[in-house]
Amino acid sequence: MAKDMTTGKITPLLISFSIPLVMGNIFQLLYNAVDSIIVGKFVGEEALAAVGTSNP
């Protein structure tokens, strides 16, 4: 079901629109942190540097 974001109160529309974006960013940050921890612990410094340069 499509929502018309041009009518109605703006606050609930913005909150419902931004929650999936914020959740996606949190999961991406967690993945990058866990990836860096695992690579740094098990693979080595050179691989950690490569992971660090490839993360956004």
N, C-alpha and C. Protein backbone atom coordinates (compact mmCIF):
# COMPACT_ATOMS: atom_id res chain seq x y z
N MET A 1 0.84 -1.17 0.00
CA MET A 1 0.00 0.00 0.00
C MET A 1 0.88 1.24 0.00
N ALA A 2 0.68 2.12 -0.94
CA ALA A 2 1.47 3.34 -1.06
C ALA A 2 0.90 4.44 -0.18
N LYS A 3 1.81 5.19 0.44
CA LYS A 3 1.40 6.31 1.26
C LYS A 3 1.64 7.60 0.50
N ASP A 4 0.70 8.52 0.64
CA ASP A 4 0.86 9.84 0.04
C ASP A 4 1.58 10.73 1.03
N MET A 5 2.85 11.04 0.74
CA MET A 5 3.64 11.83 1.67
C MET A 5 3.47 13.33 1.48
N THR A 6 2.54 13.72 0.63
CA THR A 6 2.33 15.15 0.40
C THR A 6 1.16 15.69 1.21
N THR A 7 0.43 14.82 1.89
CA THR A 7 -0.70 15.28 2.69
C THR A 7 -0.60 14.70 4.09
N GLY A 8 -1.22 15.37 5.05
CA GLY A 8 -1.24 14.90 6.42
C GLY A 8 -0.14 15.51 7.25
N LYS A 9 -0.05 15.03 8.49
CA LYS A 9 0.98 15.52 9.40
C LYS A 9 2.34 15.01 8.98
N ILE A 10 3.34 15.88 9.05
CA ILE A 10 4.66 15.53 8.52
C ILE A 10 5.48 14.68 9.50
N THR A 11 5.31 14.87 10.80
CA THR A 11 6.14 14.16 11.77
C THR A 11 5.95 12.64 11.71
N PRO A 12 4.74 12.10 11.76
CA PRO A 12 4.62 10.64 11.67
C PRO A 12 5.11 10.07 10.34
N LEU A 13 4.91 10.82 9.28
CA LEU A 13 5.39 10.35 7.97
C LEU A 13 6.91 10.29 7.93
N LEU A 14 7.57 11.31 8.46
CA LEU A 14 9.02 11.31 8.45
C LEU A 14 9.59 10.22 9.36
N ILE A 15 8.97 10.01 10.49
CA ILE A 15 9.45 8.96 11.40
C ILE A 15 9.29 7.59 10.76
N SER A 16 8.13 7.32 10.17
CA SER A 16 7.92 6.01 9.55
C SER A 16 8.81 5.82 8.32
N PHE A 17 9.20 6.90 7.67
CA PHE A 17 10.10 6.80 6.52
C PHE A 17 11.55 6.60 6.96
N SER A 18 11.94 7.23 8.08
CA SER A 18 13.35 7.21 8.47
C SER A 18 13.73 5.99 9.31
N ILE A 19 12.79 5.32 9.94
CA ILE A 19 13.13 4.16 10.78
C ILE A 19 13.84 3.06 9.98
N PRO A 20 13.36 2.65 8.82
CA PRO A 20 14.11 1.62 8.06
C PRO A 20 15.50 2.09 7.63
N LEU A 21 15.64 3.37 7.34
CA LEU A 21 16.95 3.89 6.95
C LEU A 21 17.93 3.84 8.11
N VAL A 22 17.48 4.23 9.28
CA VAL A 22 18.34 4.21 10.46
C VAL A 22 18.70 2.78 10.83
N MET A 23 17.73 1.88 10.78
CA MET A 23 18.01 0.48 11.10
C MET A 23 19.02 -0.13 10.12
N GLY A 24 18.89 0.19 8.85
CA GLY A 24 19.85 -0.30 7.85
C GLY A 24 21.25 0.21 8.11
N ASN A 25 21.37 1.48 8.50
CA ASN A 25 22.68 2.04 8.81
C ASN A 25 23.29 1.41 10.05
N ILE A 26 22.47 1.13 11.05
CA ILE A 26 22.98 0.49 12.26
C ILE A 26 23.50 -0.90 11.95
N PHE A 27 22.76 -1.67 11.16
CA PHE A 27 23.22 -3.01 10.80
C PHE A 27 24.50 -2.97 9.97
N GLN A 28 24.62 -1.98 9.09
CA GLN A 28 25.83 -1.87 8.29
C GLN A 28 27.03 -1.52 9.16
N LEU A 29 26.86 -0.63 10.13
CA LEU A 29 27.94 -0.29 11.04
C LEU A 29 28.36 -1.48 11.90
N LEU A 30 27.37 -2.24 12.38
CA LEU A 30 27.69 -3.43 13.16
C LEU A 30 28.45 -4.46 12.33
N TYR A 31 28.03 -4.65 11.08
CA TYR A 31 28.72 -5.60 10.21
C TYR A 31 30.17 -5.17 9.98
N ASN A 32 30.38 -3.89 9.72
CA ASN A 32 31.74 -3.40 9.47
C ASN A 32 32.61 -3.54 10.72
N ALA A 33 32.04 -3.28 11.90
CA ALA A 33 32.81 -3.42 13.13
C ALA A 33 33.18 -4.87 13.39
N VAL A 34 32.23 -5.77 13.24
CA VAL A 34 32.51 -7.20 13.47
C VAL A 34 33.50 -7.72 12.43
N ASP A 35 33.36 -7.27 11.20
CA ASP A 35 34.28 -7.68 10.14
C ASP A 35 35.70 -7.23 10.47
N SER A 36 35.86 -6.02 10.93
CA SER A 36 37.18 -5.52 11.29
C SER A 36 37.76 -6.28 12.47
N ILE A 37 36.94 -6.61 13.45
CA ILE A 37 37.42 -7.36 14.61
C ILE A 37 37.89 -8.75 14.20
N ILE A 38 37.10 -9.44 13.40
CA ILE A 38 37.45 -10.81 12.99
C ILE A 38 38.68 -10.81 12.10
N VAL A 39 38.73 -9.91 11.14
CA VAL A 39 39.89 -9.88 10.23
C VAL A 39 41.14 -9.48 11.00
N GLY A 40 41.03 -8.50 11.88
CA GLY A 40 42.20 -8.08 12.64
C GLY A 40 42.71 -9.15 13.59
N LYS A 41 41.81 -9.95 14.13
CA LYS A 41 42.22 -10.96 15.09
C LYS A 41 42.78 -12.21 14.43
N PHE A 42 42.19 -12.62 13.30
CA PHE A 42 42.54 -13.91 12.73
C PHE A 42 43.39 -13.84 11.46
N VAL A 43 43.34 -12.75 10.72
CA VAL A 43 44.05 -12.72 9.43
C VAL A 43 45.34 -11.93 9.52
N GLY A 44 45.31 -10.75 10.13
CA GLY A 44 46.55 -10.00 10.27
C GLY A 44 46.38 -8.52 9.97
N GLU A 45 47.48 -7.81 10.17
CA GLU A 45 47.46 -6.35 10.05
C GLU A 45 47.24 -5.88 8.61
N GLU A 46 47.85 -6.56 7.65
CA GLU A 46 47.71 -6.15 6.26
C GLU A 46 46.26 -6.30 5.79
N ALA A 47 45.64 -7.38 6.18
CA ALA A 47 44.24 -7.60 5.80
C ALA A 47 43.33 -6.60 6.50
N LEU A 48 43.64 -6.24 7.74
CA LEU A 48 42.86 -5.25 8.46
C LEU A 48 42.99 -3.90 7.78
N ALA A 49 44.17 -3.57 7.29
CA ALA A 49 44.35 -2.31 6.56
C ALA A 49 43.54 -2.32 5.26
N ALA A 50 43.47 -3.47 4.59
CA ALA A 50 42.68 -3.56 3.37
C ALA A 50 41.20 -3.41 3.67
N VAL A 51 40.73 -4.02 4.76
CA VAL A 51 39.33 -3.88 5.14
C VAL A 51 39.03 -2.43 5.53
N GLY A 52 39.96 -1.80 6.22
CA GLY A 52 39.76 -0.41 6.63
C GLY A 52 39.68 0.56 5.47
N THR A 53 40.41 0.30 4.39
CA THR A 53 40.35 1.19 3.24
C THR A 53 39.12 0.94 2.37
N SER A 54 38.54 -0.26 2.49
CA SER A 54 37.39 -0.56 1.65
C SER A 54 36.06 -0.21 2.31
N ASN A 55 36.04 0.04 3.61
CA ASN A 55 34.81 0.43 4.28
C ASN A 55 34.45 1.87 3.93
N PRO A 56 33.17 2.15 3.80
CA PRO A 56 32.78 3.53 3.47
C PRO A 56 33.05 4.50 4.60
